[in-house]
Amino acid sequence: MSIEQAVSKVSQVAEGQGTGVSDQDVMLSAEEMDRLYADTLRNLDEGSVVEGRVIEIYPNEVVVDIGYKSEGHISKSEFSEEEIQALKVDDIIHVYLEEREDVNGNLVLSKEKADRMKVWDAIEEQFNRSDVIEGRIISRIKGGMTVDVGLKAFLPGSQIDLRPVRDMDRLIGQTIQVRIIKMNKKRGNIIVSRRVLLEEWRDRRKKVTMDALKEGEILEGIVKNITDYGAFIDLGGIDGLLHITDMSWGRVTNPQEFMNVGDKVNVVVLKHDKETGRVSLGLKQLTPDPWTTVGTRYPEGTRVNARVVSITDYGAFLEIEPGIEGLMHVTEMSWNHEVKHPSKIMSVGDTIEVQVLKIDEKNRKISLGLKQLGPNPWDDVETKYPVGAVVSGKIKSLTDFGAFVGLDEGIDGLIHISDMSWTKHVRHPSEVFKKGQKVEVVVLKIEKERQRLSLGFKQVSEDPWDSDIPSRFPVGSFLDGVVTKVMDFGFFVELAEGIEGLVHVSEVDLESGQRLDQVYQPGMSLPVRVIKLDPAERKIGLSMKAVSADSPLEAAPAVNAQPAPGNAMEEALKSARKKGKKSTESPEENA
């Protein structure tokens, strides 16, 4: 029996009609009616979407019957304007059952939530199928963007593009293709990605490009990224490296000055490693190599105008033409060797005339010179500064082994430390000279090819060993001296400034077992006697024993008492010294 039949029977009994229905039947019918009523609520679970029939449309709400004991009221704000205009009484719509009875006993329904549940179901199917869907970017939020895909979804910043997007605000309002990568229906979270689609598209393009790529092939690409060492070029799904050295035959110091991100460029494939997927590209290879004809266009000795492109401590690089650079060493800038740094005479960007000195086509090197544009002062050095001449100059620098003297523009000479004094042991040139000091020197030797000039300072004065020392310290003379150094074989005694003699251990009376350093100490004054004089070897032999000897010493051989015979050099030096003195005393006569 249906509920309608049971209600009809109850009505007949109430009206007193003779229906033959007993009280027991009526009671059974009431029980049956309760069962049938419960059956109508069996499928009405809270949180489910059910069908309902529109029974009334009021200005602010719509009344819907879902077959429950009471109707539900839904606000018109949950309908779109188009839906309200098309809605009619008896229309069947889907609604969401929030509560069968609220605190007031009312049935609570929602059209908006039902629509959302339907969209969730559709999105879940798209997620399961990994569909590509469209969405409109509606706002920017922390960490990414909000995208409308039927429901609001989150697009993380890292999933917008293959590379970080700096200005995300410009994307608002755009419709893009995305894929759902994660969702949680209970929490209402949907996460989408555009990057996964771009990666798939890139991989497809990469495979096509890799299969067709050949070394030597010329391709068009787009500058994707620029670094200090080069630029990455997008060839269509695959990136190739255009190294800075392959951008131009000339010097490229900064790739960003040569090209910009987004530029279209033609490049040639230099190398393609299929195993690693690396591609090396070249740009300069599209034009002829200028070095192949550099020898015929710029032969050695040619003078050309060149632009300074770089300056280092050791020289400067100059560009003769795009792709052709040469090095001018600092020693090729001036004859006088006074250029301490190239920046003192030239600057980057200067255009100057230079001379090609040497070309090495194999190693792509060109040596350039600046000083060669003027006369070489060493060409007539032998005439201007002959050996034996006394000349004047200025101390330019001091080293451990000597002092450099500037004589003329481009001519420097060296006074070796051994040529500074006849008698004094010079430990460092600073004991004799100061930088900037004016000196007179004698030209000792000229090496024109090596551009070297040997000078002597002690040679300006006569050698005291020629006559002065033999006359002051003859053999047999008694002298007082000061001990300067004690050795195992003897000790040295200073007789005058810069003049020392040796007292050999055999010329000292020592007791058995005594050592020299136990009796004699540096600084001790004592009497000695000259027993030997050798001007040739510049040696004086002294004795302690002979001081107390009664008999006179025999005269030393003539060779020991007199200086060694002179030679051509000594005669030249004597003549030069005389001329130097005469020039110093009467400069007017030499004018």
Protein backbone atom coordinates (compact mmCIF):
# COMPACT_ATOMS: atom_id res chain seq x y z
CA MET A 1 0.00 0.00 0.00
CA SER A 2 1.28 3.40 -0.93
CA ILE A 3 1.26 6.40 1.37
CA GLU A 4 -1.43 8.05 -0.78
CA GLN A 5 -3.72 5.02 -0.36
CA ALA A 6 -3.16 4.97 3.39
CA VAL A 7 -4.01 8.68 3.66
CA SER A 8 -7.23 8.10 1.62
CA LYS A 9 -8.40 5.37 3.99
CA VAL A 10 -7.78 7.46 7.06
CA SER A 11 -9.82 10.28 5.52
CA GLN A 12 -12.80 7.97 4.84
CA VAL A 13 -12.85 6.77 8.45
CA ALA A 14 -12.74 10.30 9.74
CA GLU A 15 -15.74 11.25 7.56
CA GLY A 16 -17.81 8.28 8.92
CA GLN A 17 -18.10 6.53 5.55
CA GLY A 18 -18.84 2.85 5.60
CA THR A 19 -15.72 1.43 4.18
CA GLY A 20 -15.53 -1.74 6.19
CA VAL A 21 -12.19 -0.62 7.57
CA SER A 22 -11.70 -1.69 11.18
CA ASP A 23 -9.78 0.22 13.84
CA GLN A 24 -7.04 -2.38 13.56
CA ASP A 25 -6.80 -1.70 9.83
CA VAL A 26 -6.50 1.99 10.51
CA MET A 27 -3.75 1.36 13.05
CA LEU A 28 -1.87 -0.87 10.58
CA SER A 29 -2.26 1.76 7.93
CA ALA A 30 -0.70 4.39 10.24
CA GLU A 31 2.25 2.10 10.82
CA GLU A 32 2.53 1.51 7.16
CA MET A 33 2.37 5.26 6.55
CA ASP A 34 5.29 5.83 8.97
CA ARG A 35 7.29 3.24 7.07
CA LEU A 36 6.49 4.82 3.76
CA TYR A 37 7.38 8.29 5.12
CA ALA A 38 10.73 7.00 6.35
CA ASP A 39 11.33 5.56 2.90
CA THR A 40 11.11 9.09 1.39
CA LEU A 41 14.01 10.24 3.62
CA ARG A 42 16.23 7.23 2.94
CA ASN A 43 18.35 8.94 0.21
CA LEU A 44 18.36 12.46 1.67
CA ASP A 45 21.78 12.49 3.33
CA GLU A 46 23.25 15.72 4.53
CA GLY A 47 26.19 16.80 2.39
CA SER A 48 24.75 15.27 -0.79
CA VAL A 49 23.48 16.81 -4.03
CA VAL A 50 19.82 15.98 -4.77
CA GLU A 51 17.20 16.95 -7.31
CA GLY A 52 14.49 19.41 -6.31
CA ARG A 53 11.36 20.95 -7.91
CA VAL A 54 10.83 24.71 -7.93
CA ILE A 55 7.41 25.37 -6.38
CA GLU A 56 7.61 29.12 -5.71
CA ILE A 57 9.73 32.04 -6.93
CA TYR A 58 9.71 35.05 -4.63
CA PRO A 59 11.52 38.39 -5.03
CA ASN A 60 14.39 37.34 -2.71
CA GLU A 61 14.27 33.58 -2.66
CA VAL A 62 13.30 30.42 -4.44
CA VAL A 63 11.28 27.63 -2.72
CA VAL A 64 12.34 24.10 -3.67
CA ASP A 65 10.69 20.76 -2.84
CA ILE A 66 13.10 17.82 -2.57
CA GLY A 67 10.38 15.35 -1.37
CA TYR A 68 11.10 16.01 2.26
CA LYS A 69 8.55 16.83 4.95
CA SER A 70 9.34 20.51 4.44
CA GLU A 71 10.51 22.68 1.58
CA GLY A 72 13.82 24.52 1.37
CA HIS A 73 14.35 28.24 0.75
CA ILE A 74 17.33 29.33 -1.39
CA SER A 75 18.48 32.94 -1.73
CA LYS A 76 18.35 34.35 -5.27
CA SER A 77 21.99 35.55 -4.76
CA GLU A 78 23.04 31.96 -5.34
CA PHE A 79 21.70 32.10 -8.89
CA SER A 80 23.25 34.03 -11.76
CA GLU A 81 21.14 36.63 -13.53
CA GLU A 82 20.80 34.36 -16.55
CA GLU A 83 19.63 31.47 -14.36
CA ILE A 84 16.99 33.65 -12.56
CA GLN A 85 15.60 34.90 -15.86
CA ALA A 86 15.24 31.37 -17.21
CA LEU A 87 13.91 29.82 -13.99
CA LYS A 88 10.25 28.68 -13.86
CA VAL A 89 7.96 26.91 -11.37
CA ASP A 90 8.21 23.09 -11.66
CA ASP A 91 11.76 23.32 -13.03
CA ILE A 92 14.01 20.57 -11.71
CA ILE A 93 17.35 21.81 -10.32
CA HIS A 94 20.23 20.31 -8.35
CA VAL A 95 20.69 21.52 -4.80
CA TYR A 96 23.05 20.74 -1.97
CA LEU A 97 21.47 19.42 1.25
CA GLU A 98 23.31 21.17 4.08
CA GLU A 99 20.92 20.30 6.97
CA ARG A 100 17.60 18.44 7.13
CA GLU A 101 16.61 20.57 10.11
CA ASP A 102 18.37 23.60 11.52
CA VAL A 103 17.72 24.98 15.02
CA ASN A 104 14.36 26.30 13.75
CA GLY A 105 13.40 23.00 12.12
CA ASN A 106 13.95 24.35 8.58
CA LEU A 107 15.40 22.44 5.64
CA VAL A 108 18.69 24.14 4.56
CA LEU A 109 19.59 23.92 0.84
CA SER A 110 22.26 25.58 -1.35
CA LYS A 111 22.31 26.01 -5.11
CA GLU A 112 25.84 27.51 -5.09
CA LYS A 113 27.35 24.57 -3.24
CA ALA A 114 25.63 22.12 -5.54
CA ASP A 115 27.18 23.88 -8.54
CA ARG A 116 30.55 23.78 -6.80
CA MET A 117 30.17 20.07 -6.13
CA LYS A 118 29.42 19.47 -9.81
CA VAL A 119 32.51 21.48 -10.82
CA TRP A 120 34.65 19.59 -8.31
CA ASP A 121 33.51 16.32 -9.88
CA ALA A 122 34.41 17.59 -13.35
CA ILE A 123 37.79 18.89 -12.19
CA GLU A 124 38.52 15.62 -10.44
CA GLU A 125 37.91 13.79 -13.71
CA GLN A 126 40.24 16.21 -15.52
CA PHE A 127 42.87 15.66 -12.83
CA ASN A 128 42.61 11.88 -13.15
CA ARG A 129 42.94 12.12 -16.94
CA SER A 130 45.82 14.73 -16.75
CA ASP A 131 43.81 16.97 -19.08
CA VAL A 132 45.08 20.31 -20.32
CA ILE A 133 42.58 22.96 -19.21
CA GLU A 134 42.23 26.70 -19.63
CA GLY A 135 42.19 29.15 -16.78
CA ARG A 136 42.12 32.91 -16.37
CA ILE A 137 44.63 34.58 -14.04
CA ILE A 138 42.57 36.76 -11.71
CA SER A 139 45.00 37.99 -9.04
CA ARG A 140 48.45 37.80 -7.54
CA ILE A 141 48.91 36.32 -4.08
CA LYS A 142 51.84 35.35 -1.90
CA GLY A 143 53.94 32.77 -3.69
CA GLY A 144 52.09 32.83 -6.99
CA MET A 145 48.83 33.60 -8.78
CA THR A 146 45.12 32.76 -8.43
CA VAL A 147 43.64 31.13 -11.54
CA ASP A 148 39.91 30.59 -12.32
CA VAL A 149 39.48 27.10 -13.79
CA GLY A 150 35.79 26.87 -12.78
CA LEU A 151 36.99 27.05 -9.21
CA LYS A 152 39.80 29.13 -7.79
CA ALA A 153 43.13 27.34 -8.16
CA PHE A 154 46.66 28.23 -7.04
CA LEU A 155 49.44 28.65 -9.63
CA PRO A 156 52.84 28.72 -7.82
CA GLY A 157 55.39 31.23 -9.10
CA SER A 158 57.81 28.42 -9.91
CA GLN A 159 55.19 26.78 -12.16
CA ILE A 160 54.39 29.80 -14.33
CA ASP A 161 57.30 29.47 -16.79
CA LEU A 162 60.51 27.58 -17.42
CA ARG A 163 62.42 30.49 -15.88
CA PRO A 164 61.51 32.77 -12.99
CA VAL A 165 59.01 35.48 -13.94
CA ARG A 166 60.05 38.86 -12.55
CA ASP A 167 56.87 40.81 -13.31
CA MET A 168 53.90 38.58 -12.50
CA ASP A 169 51.40 41.45 -12.37
CA ARG A 170 51.46 41.75 -16.16
CA LEU A 171 49.92 38.26 -16.38
CA ILE A 172 46.68 39.25 -14.58
CA GLY A 173 43.70 38.88 -16.92
CA GLN A 174 45.45 36.51 -19.32
CA THR A 175 43.96 33.12 -20.19
CA ILE A 176 46.54 30.34 -20.09
CA GLN A 177 46.67 26.59 -20.45
CA VAL A 178 47.49 24.61 -17.32
CA ARG A 179 47.36 21.13 -15.88
CA ILE A 180 46.11 20.18 -12.42
CA ILE A 181 49.06 18.67 -10.53
CA LYS A 182 47.49 18.37 -7.08
CA MET A 183 44.06 18.68 -5.47
CA ASN A 184 42.36 18.09 -2.12
CA LYS A 185 38.57 18.07 -2.27
CA LYS A 186 38.09 18.12 1.49
CA ARG A 187 40.29 21.16 1.96
CA GLY A 188 39.16 22.75 -1.26
CA ASN A 189 42.71 23.11 -2.63
CA ILE A 190 43.62 22.96 -6.31
CA ILE A 191 47.19 23.47 -7.57
CA VAL A 192 47.87 23.91 -11.28
CA SER A 193 51.03 24.21 -13.39
CA ARG A 194 51.87 25.81 -16.71
CA ARG A 195 55.49 24.80 -16.54
CA VAL A 196 54.82 21.07 -16.98
CA LEU A 197 53.13 21.83 -20.32
CA LEU A 198 56.05 24.03 -21.44
CA GLU A 199 58.54 21.31 -20.48
CA GLU A 200 56.62 18.72 -22.50
CA TRP A 201 56.46 21.10 -25.46
CA ARG A 202 60.18 21.85 -25.12
CA ASP A 203 61.08 18.15 -24.96
CA ARG A 204 59.10 17.45 -28.13
CA ARG A 205 60.80 20.33 -29.95
CA LYS A 206 64.17 19.25 -28.55
CA LYS A 207 63.83 15.76 -29.97
CA VAL A 208 62.91 17.11 -33.41
CA THR A 209 65.81 19.60 -33.32
CA MET A 210 68.34 17.06 -32.04
CA ASP A 211 67.46 14.60 -34.78
CA ALA A 212 67.94 17.27 -37.46
CA LEU A 213 71.04 19.00 -35.98
CA LYS A 214 74.27 18.78 -38.01
CA GLU A 215 77.71 20.28 -37.49
CA GLY A 216 78.37 23.13 -39.89
CA GLU A 217 74.69 23.90 -40.30
CA ILE A 218 73.58 27.54 -40.06
CA LEU A 219 70.50 28.05 -37.88
CA GLU A 220 68.45 30.94 -36.60
CA GLY A 221 68.08 31.18 -32.85
CA ILE A 222 66.96 33.52 -30.13
CA VAL A 223 69.27 34.83 -27.41
CA LYS A 224 67.90 33.23 -24.27
CA ASN A 225 70.44 34.18 -21.62
CA ILE A 226 73.73 36.10 -21.43
CA THR A 227 76.60 35.35 -19.05
CA ASP A 228 80.14 36.65 -18.57
CA TYR A 229 81.53 33.84 -20.71
CA GLY A 230 79.00 33.85 -23.55
CA ALA A 231 75.34 33.54 -24.50
CA PHE A 232 72.82 30.69 -24.64
CA ILE A 233 70.87 30.50 -27.89
CA ASP A 234 67.47 28.80 -28.14
CA LEU A 235 67.50 26.77 -31.34
CA GLY A 236 64.00 25.40 -30.85
CA GLY A 237 63.70 23.19 -27.80
CA ILE A 238 67.44 22.96 -27.30
CA ASP A 239 69.93 25.55 -26.07
CA GLY A 240 73.39 25.99 -27.56
CA LEU A 241 76.33 27.89 -26.07
CA LEU A 242 77.84 30.73 -28.06
CA HIS A 243 81.14 31.25 -26.25
CA ILE A 244 82.55 34.76 -25.98
CA THR A 245 85.59 33.72 -28.04
CA ASP A 246 83.33 32.64 -30.91
CA MET A 247 81.30 35.85 -31.10
CA SER A 248 83.80 37.89 -33.09
CA TRP A 249 87.26 37.63 -34.60
CA GLY A 250 87.99 40.73 -32.52
CA ARG A 251 87.94 41.35 -28.79
CA VAL A 252 84.61 40.99 -26.95
CA THR A 253 84.99 42.00 -23.31
CA ASN A 254 81.30 41.93 -22.43
CA PRO A 255 78.75 39.81 -24.36
CA GLN A 256 75.95 42.17 -23.26
CA GLU A 257 77.54 44.91 -25.36
CA PHE A 258 77.42 42.58 -28.35
CA MET A 259 73.85 41.25 -28.11
CA ASN A 260 70.69 41.39 -25.99
CA VAL A 261 68.26 38.79 -24.64
CA GLY A 262 65.53 38.21 -27.22
CA ASP A 263 67.69 39.08 -30.24
CA LYS A 264 67.40 36.80 -33.28
CA VAL A 265 70.80 35.67 -34.51
CA ASN A 266 72.18 33.35 -37.15
CA VAL A 267 74.75 30.92 -35.81
CA VAL A 268 76.72 27.97 -37.12
CA VAL A 269 76.81 24.62 -35.30
CA LEU A 270 80.45 23.99 -34.34
CA LYS A 271 80.03 20.84 -32.29
CA HIS A 272 77.15 18.59 -31.29
CA ASP A 273 77.59 15.98 -28.57
CA LYS A 274 74.60 13.65 -28.87
CA GLU A 275 75.43 11.83 -25.64
CA THR A 276 75.44 14.90 -23.41
CA GLY A 277 73.16 17.01 -25.61
CA ARG A 278 75.64 19.92 -25.59
CA VAL A 279 75.80 22.17 -28.62
CA SER A 280 78.62 24.63 -29.31
CA LEU A 281 77.78 27.53 -31.60
CA GLY A 282 79.78 30.13 -33.49
CA LEU A 283 79.00 33.57 -34.86
CA LYS A 284 82.36 34.80 -36.11
CA GLN A 285 82.64 31.71 -38.32
CA LEU A 286 79.96 33.22 -40.60
CA THR A 287 82.59 35.75 -41.82
CA PRO A 288 86.09 35.14 -43.26
CA ASP A 289 89.01 34.87 -40.83
CA PRO A 290 90.98 38.14 -41.16
CA TRP A 291 94.17 36.42 -39.95
CA THR A 292 94.47 34.40 -43.16
CA THR A 293 95.68 37.47 -45.08
CA VAL A 294 97.19 39.58 -42.29
CA GLY A 295 100.76 38.94 -43.45
CA THR A 296 100.16 40.39 -46.90
CA ARG A 297 98.09 43.33 -45.69
CA TYR A 298 100.38 44.33 -42.81
CA PRO A 299 103.96 43.23 -43.62
CA GLU A 300 106.68 43.80 -41.01
CA GLY A 301 107.82 47.41 -40.99
CA THR A 302 104.39 48.75 -42.00
CA ARG A 303 103.14 51.82 -40.16
CA VAL A 304 99.43 51.78 -39.33
CA ASN A 305 96.93 53.61 -37.15
CA ALA A 306 95.63 51.43 -34.31
CA ARG A 307 93.18 51.90 -31.46
CA VAL A 308 94.15 51.10 -27.85
CA VAL A 309 91.67 48.51 -26.54
CA SER A 310 93.38 47.28 -23.38
CA ILE A 311 96.27 48.26 -21.12
CA THR A 312 98.22 45.91 -18.83
CA ASP A 313 101.31 46.27 -16.65
CA TYR A 314 103.50 44.80 -19.37
CA GLY A 315 102.09 46.61 -22.40
CA ALA A 316 99.04 47.58 -24.42
CA PHE A 317 96.79 45.78 -26.91
CA LEU A 318 95.85 47.74 -30.00
CA GLU A 319 93.21 46.93 -32.61
CA ILE A 320 94.46 47.39 -36.16
CA GLU A 321 91.08 46.34 -37.61
CA PRO A 322 88.11 44.35 -36.26
CA GLY A 323 89.49 40.94 -35.40
CA ILE A 324 93.15 41.92 -35.62
CA GLU A 325 94.93 43.01 -32.44
CA GLY A 326 98.60 43.41 -31.66
CA LEU A 327 100.64 43.76 -28.49
CA MET A 328 102.95 46.70 -27.87
CA HIS A 329 105.29 45.69 -25.07
CA VAL A 330 106.25 48.41 -22.63
CA THR A 331 109.87 48.14 -23.79
CA GLU A 332 108.80 49.06 -27.33
CA MET A 333 107.20 52.35 -26.30
CA SER A 334 110.29 54.49 -25.73
CA TRP A 335 114.06 54.28 -26.21
CA ASN A 336 114.79 55.72 -22.79
CA HIS A 337 113.24 52.87 -20.75
CA GLU A 338 111.56 55.37 -18.46
CA VAL A 339 108.00 54.18 -19.18
CA LYS A 340 107.03 52.57 -15.87
CA HIS A 341 103.47 51.89 -16.99
CA PRO A 342 101.80 52.13 -20.44
CA SER A 343 99.01 54.27 -19.00
CA LYS A 344 101.53 57.09 -18.61
CA ILE A 345 101.68 57.63 -22.37
CA MET A 346 98.40 56.23 -23.73
CA SER A 347 94.77 55.54 -22.74
CA VAL A 348 92.11 53.07 -23.83
CA GLY A 349 90.36 54.47 -26.89
CA ASP A 350 93.37 56.43 -28.17
CA THR A 351 94.24 56.05 -31.85
CA ILE A 352 97.99 56.17 -32.45
CA GLU A 353 100.45 55.41 -35.23
CA VAL A 354 102.50 52.26 -34.67
CA GLN A 355 104.90 50.07 -36.58
CA VAL A 356 104.44 46.35 -37.23
CA LEU A 357 107.53 44.61 -35.79
CA LYS A 358 106.70 40.92 -36.09
CA ILE A 359 103.79 38.72 -37.25
CA ASP A 360 103.10 35.19 -35.98
CA GLU A 361 100.15 34.02 -38.09
CA LYS A 362 100.16 30.53 -36.57
CA ASN A 363 99.69 31.80 -33.02
CA ARG A 364 97.72 34.90 -34.13
CA LYS A 365 100.17 37.38 -32.63
CA ILE A 366 101.42 40.74 -33.87
CA SER A 367 104.17 42.71 -32.15
CA LEU A 368 103.88 46.47 -32.46
CA GLY A 369 106.28 49.28 -31.65
CA LEU A 370 106.06 53.01 -30.98
CA LYS A 371 109.69 53.95 -30.37
CA GLN A 372 110.61 52.74 -33.86
CA LEU A 373 108.88 55.80 -35.30
CA GLY A 374 111.81 57.91 -34.01
CA PRO A 375 115.60 57.56 -34.40
CA ASN A 376 117.40 54.90 -32.37
CA PRO A 377 120.00 56.65 -30.12
CA TRP A 378 122.05 53.42 -30.06
CA ASP A 379 122.87 53.77 -33.76
CA ASP A 380 125.64 56.31 -33.05
CA VAL A 381 126.48 55.35 -29.46
CA GLU A 382 130.05 54.30 -30.36
CA THR A 383 130.72 57.70 -31.88
CA LYS A 384 129.06 59.68 -29.11
CA TYR A 385 130.40 57.59 -26.21
CA PRO A 386 133.69 55.90 -27.24
CA VAL A 387 135.41 53.47 -24.89
CA GLY A 388 137.61 55.37 -22.41
CA ALA A 389 135.61 58.61 -22.65
CA VAL A 390 134.75 60.41 -19.41
CA VAL A 391 131.05 61.38 -19.52
CA SER A 392 128.51 62.91 -17.15
CA GLY A 393 125.16 61.45 -16.18
CA LYS A 394 122.59 61.10 -13.44
CA ILE A 395 121.93 58.08 -11.21
CA LYS A 396 118.52 56.71 -12.29
CA SER A 397 118.20 53.60 -10.13
CA LEU A 398 120.11 51.40 -7.70
CA THR A 399 120.15 47.60 -7.62
CA ASP A 400 122.03 45.03 -5.55
CA PHE A 401 124.61 44.60 -8.30
CA GLY A 402 125.13 48.19 -9.44
CA ALA A 403 123.78 51.60 -10.39
CA PHE A 404 122.16 52.68 -13.66
CA VAL A 405 123.23 56.03 -15.06
CA GLY A 406 121.19 58.01 -17.60
CA LEU A 407 123.51 59.59 -20.16
CA ASP A 408 121.16 60.71 -22.91
CA GLU A 409 117.65 60.15 -24.28
CA GLY A 410 117.40 56.38 -24.52
CA ILE A 411 120.98 55.63 -23.38
CA ASP A 412 121.54 54.13 -19.95
CA GLY A 413 124.74 52.61 -18.63
CA LEU A 414 125.56 50.37 -15.69
CA ILE A 415 128.23 50.96 -13.05
CA HIS A 416 128.88 47.51 -11.64
CA ILE A 417 129.44 47.36 -7.90
CA SER A 418 133.03 46.18 -8.53
CA ASP A 419 133.74 49.38 -10.49
CA MET A 420 132.73 51.81 -7.75
CA SER A 421 135.90 51.94 -5.60
CA TRP A 422 139.58 50.94 -5.93
CA THR A 423 140.00 50.14 -2.27
CA LYS A 424 136.68 50.09 -0.42
CA HIS A 425 134.62 46.92 -0.31
CA VAL A 426 131.18 48.21 -1.39
CA ARG A 427 128.38 46.00 -0.10
CA HIS A 428 125.57 47.99 -1.76
CA PRO A 429 125.60 50.87 -4.28
CA SER A 430 123.65 53.04 -1.82
CA GLU A 431 126.88 53.34 0.19
CA VAL A 432 128.35 55.38 -2.68
CA PHE A 433 125.45 56.89 -4.67
CA LYS A 434 121.99 58.37 -4.26
CA LYS A 435 119.21 58.38 -6.85
CA GLY A 436 119.34 61.59 -8.88
CA GLN A 437 123.02 62.24 -8.05
CA LYS A 438 125.15 63.68 -10.89
CA VAL A 439 128.29 61.66 -11.53
CA GLU A 440 131.26 61.47 -13.90
CA VAL A 441 132.03 58.01 -15.24
CA VAL A 442 134.32 56.34 -17.76
CA VAL A 443 132.95 54.26 -20.66
CA LEU A 444 134.44 50.78 -20.19
CA LYS A 445 132.56 48.62 -22.73
CA ILE A 446 129.86 48.96 -25.43
CA GLU A 447 127.55 46.14 -26.53
CA LYS A 448 125.58 47.84 -29.28
CA GLU A 449 123.48 44.84 -30.33
CA ARG A 450 122.37 44.16 -26.76
CA GLN A 451 122.09 47.89 -26.04
CA ARG A 452 124.36 47.69 -23.02
CA LEU A 453 126.91 50.19 -21.81
CA SER A 454 129.39 49.35 -19.03
CA LEU A 455 130.60 52.32 -17.00
CA GLY A 456 133.24 52.80 -14.31
CA PHE A 457 133.25 55.23 -11.44
CA LYS A 458 136.55 54.31 -9.79
CA GLN A 459 138.31 54.61 -13.16
CA VAL A 460 137.77 58.40 -13.14
CA SER A 461 140.55 58.62 -10.50
CA GLU A 462 144.00 56.98 -10.63
CA ASP A 463 144.45 53.51 -9.19
CA PRO A 464 146.17 53.99 -5.79
CA TRP A 465 147.89 50.65 -6.26
CA ASP A 466 149.86 52.14 -9.14
CA SER A 467 152.04 54.42 -6.97
CA ASP A 468 150.30 55.70 -3.84
CA ILE A 469 150.04 52.45 -1.87
CA PRO A 470 153.55 51.17 -2.78
CA SER A 471 155.03 54.47 -1.67
CA ARG A 472 153.01 54.66 1.57
CA PHE A 473 153.46 51.05 2.63
CA PRO A 474 156.89 49.86 1.42
CA VAL A 475 158.21 46.45 2.43
CA GLY A 476 159.88 46.64 5.86
CA SER A 477 157.84 49.60 7.12
CA PHE A 478 156.43 49.54 10.64
CA LEU A 479 152.73 50.48 10.94
CA ASP A 480 149.88 50.64 13.43
CA GLY A 481 146.59 49.06 12.38
CA VAL A 482 143.21 47.86 13.62
CA VAL A 483 142.01 44.24 13.44
CA THR A 484 138.91 43.99 11.23
CA LYS A 485 138.34 40.26 10.82
CA VAL A 486 139.79 37.09 12.41
CA MET A 487 139.88 33.84 10.38
CA ASP A 488 141.43 30.42 10.94
CA PHE A 489 144.33 31.20 8.56
CA GLY A 490 145.04 34.68 9.92
CA PHE A 491 143.48 38.07 10.55
CA PHE A 492 143.01 41.25 8.52
CA VAL A 493 144.32 44.61 9.69
CA GLU A 494 143.14 47.99 8.35
CA LEU A 495 146.16 50.24 7.65
CA ALA A 496 144.20 53.19 6.20
CA GLU A 497 140.64 53.77 5.00
CA GLY A 498 139.82 51.05 2.55
CA ILE A 499 143.32 49.46 2.69
CA GLU A 500 143.82 46.16 4.50
CA GLY A 501 146.68 43.70 4.93
CA LEU A 502 146.73 40.06 6.04
CA VAL A 503 148.71 38.75 9.03
CA HIS A 504 149.05 35.05 8.25
CA VAL A 505 148.90 32.63 11.19
CA SER A 506 152.53 31.71 10.49
CA GLU A 507 153.54 35.33 11.28
CA VAL A 508 152.05 35.25 14.78
CA ASP A 509 153.63 33.89 17.96
CA LEU A 510 151.02 31.66 19.63
CA GLU A 511 151.39 29.38 22.60
CA SER A 512 150.69 25.72 22.12
CA GLY A 513 146.95 25.09 21.75
CA GLN A 514 146.02 28.75 21.37
CA ARG A 515 143.68 29.95 18.65
CA LEU A 516 143.87 33.32 16.92
CA ASP A 517 140.38 34.40 18.05
CA GLN A 518 141.43 33.81 21.66
CA VAL A 519 144.17 36.44 21.38
CA TYR A 520 143.02 38.86 18.66
CA GLN A 521 139.58 40.48 18.40
CA PRO A 522 138.07 42.88 15.82
CA GLY A 523 138.70 46.50 16.86
CA MET A 524 142.03 45.74 18.57
CA SER A 525 144.89 48.16 17.72
CA LEU A 526 148.34 46.63 17.24
CA PRO A 527 151.74 47.22 15.51
CA VAL A 528 152.54 45.28 12.33
CA ARG A 529 155.30 45.23 9.75
CA VAL A 530 154.95 45.04 5.95
CA ILE A 531 156.69 41.91 4.68
CA LYS A 532 155.15 41.68 1.20
CA LEU A 533 153.54 44.06 -1.36
CA ASP A 534 151.87 42.81 -4.57
CA PRO A 535 150.17 45.67 -6.55
CA ALA A 536 149.13 43.28 -9.31
CA GLU A 537 147.18 41.09 -6.87
CA ARG A 538 146.33 44.12 -4.67
CA LYS A 539 147.63 42.35 -1.56
CA ILE A 540 149.72 43.45 1.42
CA GLY A 541 151.41 40.84 3.63
CA LEU A 542 151.88 41.76 7.30
CA SER A 543 153.74 40.16 10.20
CA MET A 544 153.67 40.29 13.99
CA LYS A 545 156.91 38.34 14.36
CA ALA A 546 158.86 40.79 12.18
CA VAL A 547 157.94 43.71 14.45
CA SER A 548 160.44 42.53 17.04
CA ALA A 549 163.04 41.28 14.54
CA ASP A 550 166.39 43.11 14.72
CA SER A 551 167.59 42.47 11.17
CA PRO A 552 166.11 44.53 8.33
CA LEU A 553 163.96 42.78 5.72
CA GLU A 554 165.29 42.27 2.24
CA ALA A 555 163.74 44.43 -0.44
CA ALA A 556 160.92 42.75 -2.26
CA PRO A 557 161.31 41.96 -5.95
CA ALA A 558 160.59 44.84 -8.32
CA VAL A 559 157.42 43.19 -9.55
CA ASN A 560 156.00 43.46 -6.02
CA ALA A 561 157.09 47.01 -5.41
CA GLN A 562 155.87 48.46 -8.70
CA PRO A 563 152.51 48.33 -10.46
CA ALA A 564 152.00 45.97 -13.34
CA PRO A 565 152.88 47.27 -16.80
CA GLY A 566 150.10 49.32 -18.33
CA ASN A 567 148.06 48.28 -21.35
CA ALA A 568 146.08 50.11 -24.04
CA MET A 569 142.99 50.40 -21.81
CA GLU A 570 144.97 51.85 -18.90
CA GLU A 571 146.65 54.35 -21.20
CA ALA A 572 143.24 55.36 -22.59
CA LEU A 573 141.87 55.78 -19.06
CA LYS A 574 144.84 57.92 -18.03
CA SER A 575 144.35 60.08 -21.09
CA ALA A 576 140.61 60.34 -20.42
CA ARG A 577 141.20 61.31 -16.79
CA LYS A 578 143.57 64.08 -17.86
CA LYS A 579 141.02 65.37 -20.36
CA GLY A 580 138.31 65.15 -17.72
CA LYS A 581 140.37 67.20 -15.25
CA LYS A 582 141.25 69.74 -17.90
CA SER A 583 137.56 70.00 -18.90
CA THR A 584 136.62 70.50 -15.24
CA GLU A 585 139.25 73.19 -14.64
CA SER A 586 138.79 75.20 -17.87
CA PRO A 587 135.35 74.57 -19.39
CA GLU A 588 135.66 77.70 -21.52
CA GLU A 589 138.65 76.31 -23.40
CA ASN A 590 136.64 73.28 -24.51
CA ALA A 591 133.64 75.30 -25.60
